Amino acid sequence: MRSRYRWAVVCAALAGCADAKPVLVPVRGRIAMNDAPVKEVIVNFAPIGNTAGSGALGATDENGRFELTDARGEKGAHPGDYKIHLYPAPRGKSTKAPDEVVSAGGGGIPSIYIDPNNTPLVANVPSLGGHVEVKLTADGRNSRVTSSPLAE
């Protein structure tokens, strides 16, 4: 009888662990190109490697600052590694299809940062959340992404 009880406890614990969802952490950041803020772009963090979740999005303000929201709409992102790509934030109504705007490098964004497969931008979200600083260059070379833990 005692072994059945232990087995039931182990099964319940395993079932509880399987249902636990990974924790989202706060992520804020800033994007600049040639030291000027990159305004009105959507910032897409696509998970790579073993990073949990489906990704996170944010939109830059007039100062190039953004805050990430998980793909399900909750604030934050899962800790881990991400490829970052950008695309122009929609303004009003456009007669162009979204693919045409993106492929043309709309919004003054060099196309290398719009292409999710070829973007050179990679960031790490620290386990307790962080600040991501993205510095772009016009040709994609020497662009930089730095991550630091959020100040407490």
Protein backbone atom coordinates (compact mmCIF):
# COMPACT_ATOMS: atom_id res chain seq x y z
CA MET A 1 0.00 0.00 0.00
CA ARG A 2 2.80 2.37 0.87
CA SER A 3 4.41 2.00 -2.58
CA ARG A 4 1.11 2.93 -4.27
CA TYR A 5 0.97 6.11 -2.18
CA ARG A 6 4.52 7.04 -3.17
CA TRP A 7 3.74 6.34 -6.82
CA ALA A 8 0.63 8.55 -6.62
CA VAL A 9 2.65 11.38 -5.06
CA VAL A 10 5.33 11.10 -7.77
CA CYS A 11 2.71 11.08 -10.55
CA ALA A 12 0.91 14.11 -9.06
CA ALA A 13 4.18 16.01 -8.76
CA LEU A 14 5.13 15.21 -12.35
CA ALA A 15 1.70 16.22 -13.61
CA GLY A 16 1.93 19.50 -11.72
CA CYS A 17 5.34 20.25 -13.19
CA ALA A 18 4.14 19.50 -16.69
CA ASP A 19 1.33 22.02 -16.32
CA ALA A 20 3.55 24.82 -14.98
CA LYS A 21 4.00 27.49 -17.60
CA PRO A 22 7.37 29.20 -18.01
CA VAL A 23 7.70 32.58 -16.37
CA LEU A 24 7.72 35.78 -18.40
CA VAL A 25 10.24 38.45 -17.44
CA PRO A 26 10.11 42.20 -18.17
CA VAL A 27 12.09 43.35 -21.21
CA ARG A 28 12.58 46.96 -22.19
CA GLY A 29 14.97 48.43 -24.69
CA ARG A 30 15.97 51.06 -27.18
CA ILE A 31 16.84 51.02 -30.88
CA ALA A 32 19.03 53.64 -32.55
CA MET A 33 20.68 54.04 -35.95
CA ASN A 34 23.60 56.44 -36.24
CA ASP A 35 22.80 57.56 -32.67
CA ALA A 36 19.29 58.67 -33.67
CA PRO A 37 16.24 56.85 -32.24
CA VAL A 38 14.45 54.47 -34.58
CA LYS A 39 10.82 55.56 -34.34
CA GLU A 40 7.57 53.78 -35.18
CA VAL A 41 8.83 50.28 -35.83
CA ILE A 42 7.60 46.93 -34.59
CA VAL A 43 10.32 44.97 -32.81
CA ASN A 44 9.93 41.19 -33.15
CA PHE A 45 11.86 38.83 -30.86
CA ALA A 46 11.76 35.32 -32.39
CA PRO A 47 12.99 32.56 -30.07
CA ILE A 48 16.01 30.49 -31.10
CA GLY A 49 17.61 27.41 -29.60
CA ASN A 50 15.85 26.11 -26.50
CA THR A 51 14.06 29.37 -25.70
CA ALA A 52 10.45 28.75 -24.67
CA GLY A 53 7.41 30.43 -26.15
CA SER A 54 6.39 31.82 -29.51
CA GLY A 55 8.20 35.15 -29.29
CA ALA A 56 7.45 38.69 -28.23
CA LEU A 57 6.70 42.04 -29.85
CA GLY A 58 7.07 45.69 -28.99
CA ALA A 59 6.69 49.04 -30.75
CA THR A 60 9.19 51.87 -30.53
CA ASP A 61 8.13 55.30 -29.38
CA GLU A 62 9.56 58.68 -30.43
CA ASN A 63 12.73 57.97 -28.43
CA GLY A 64 13.25 54.51 -29.94
CA ARG A 65 12.19 52.83 -26.70
CA PHE A 66 10.09 49.67 -26.55
CA GLU A 67 8.66 47.16 -24.07
CA LEU A 68 8.03 43.56 -25.07
CA THR A 69 4.72 41.74 -24.89
CA ASP A 70 4.53 37.96 -25.24
CA ALA A 71 2.79 36.57 -28.33
CA ARG A 72 -0.22 35.73 -26.09
CA GLY A 73 -0.54 39.38 -25.06
CA GLU A 74 1.05 39.23 -21.60
CA LYS A 75 3.82 41.70 -20.65
CA GLY A 76 7.33 40.33 -20.98
CA ALA A 77 9.22 37.55 -22.72
CA HIS A 78 10.69 34.20 -21.79
CA PRO A 79 14.35 34.24 -20.77
CA GLY A 80 16.64 32.99 -23.54
CA ASP A 81 18.03 33.80 -26.95
CA TYR A 82 16.20 35.60 -29.74
CA LYS A 83 16.70 36.79 -33.30
CA ILE A 84 15.41 40.34 -33.65
CA HIS A 85 13.81 41.68 -36.78
CA LEU A 86 11.97 44.93 -37.39
CA TYR A 87 9.21 46.22 -39.60
CA PRO A 88 7.52 49.58 -40.01
CA ALA A 89 4.58 50.21 -37.73
CA PRO A 90 1.39 50.62 -39.77
CA ARG A 91 0.32 54.21 -40.30
CA GLY A 92 -3.21 54.82 -41.41
CA LYS A 93 -4.38 52.78 -44.38
CA SER A 94 -1.92 51.63 -46.99
CA THR A 95 -2.73 50.53 -50.51
CA LYS A 96 0.34 48.29 -50.55
CA ALA A 97 0.28 44.72 -49.33
CA PRO A 98 2.29 44.21 -46.12
CA ASP A 99 4.84 42.07 -48.03
CA GLU A 100 5.52 44.94 -50.45
CA VAL A 101 6.16 47.39 -47.62
CA VAL A 102 8.44 44.93 -45.82
CA SER A 103 10.45 43.90 -48.87
CA ALA A 104 11.03 47.51 -49.84
CA GLY A 105 12.68 48.31 -46.50
CA GLY A 106 9.88 50.69 -45.61
CA GLY A 107 10.17 53.26 -42.88
CA GLY A 108 13.85 53.93 -43.59
CA ILE A 109 14.83 50.57 -42.09
CA PRO A 110 17.58 48.76 -44.01
CA SER A 111 16.10 45.56 -45.42
CA ILE A 112 18.64 43.33 -43.65
CA TYR A 113 16.90 44.09 -40.34
CA ILE A 114 13.47 43.33 -41.78
CA ASP A 115 14.35 39.86 -43.08
CA PRO A 116 13.77 37.41 -40.18
CA ASN A 117 16.09 34.84 -41.78
CA ASN A 118 19.07 37.11 -42.41
CA THR A 119 18.91 39.67 -39.63
CA PRO A 120 22.25 39.90 -37.83
CA LEU A 121 20.51 40.98 -34.60
CA VAL A 122 20.57 38.44 -31.76
CA ALA A 123 19.73 39.18 -28.12
CA ASN A 124 19.76 37.32 -24.84
CA VAL A 125 16.99 37.99 -22.34
CA PRO A 126 18.42 37.49 -18.82
CA SER A 127 16.59 35.15 -16.44
CA LEU A 128 15.18 38.01 -14.34
CA GLY A 129 14.45 40.34 -17.26
CA GLY A 130 16.55 42.96 -18.89
CA HIS A 131 17.26 45.99 -20.99
CA VAL A 132 18.22 45.45 -24.64
CA GLU A 133 20.14 48.17 -26.48
CA VAL A 134 20.15 47.80 -30.29
CA LYS A 135 22.52 49.91 -32.40
CA LEU A 136 21.91 49.64 -36.14
CA THR A 137 24.13 50.54 -39.07
CA ALA A 138 22.89 51.31 -42.58
CA ASP A 139 24.60 48.27 -44.14
CA GLY A 140 24.03 45.77 -41.31
CA ARG A 141 27.74 45.45 -40.56
CA ASN A 142 28.92 46.33 -37.09
CA SER A 143 25.39 46.46 -35.71
CA ARG A 144 25.34 45.68 -32.00
CA VAL A 145 22.92 44.28 -29.47
CA THR A 146 23.73 44.42 -25.77
CA SER A 147 21.62 43.01 -22.97
CA SER A 148 21.85 43.87 -19.31
CA PRO A 149 19.80 42.84 -16.30
CA LEU A 150 17.13 45.31 -15.19
CA ALA A 151 18.08 47.47 -12.24
CA GLU A 152 16.19 46.45 -9.13
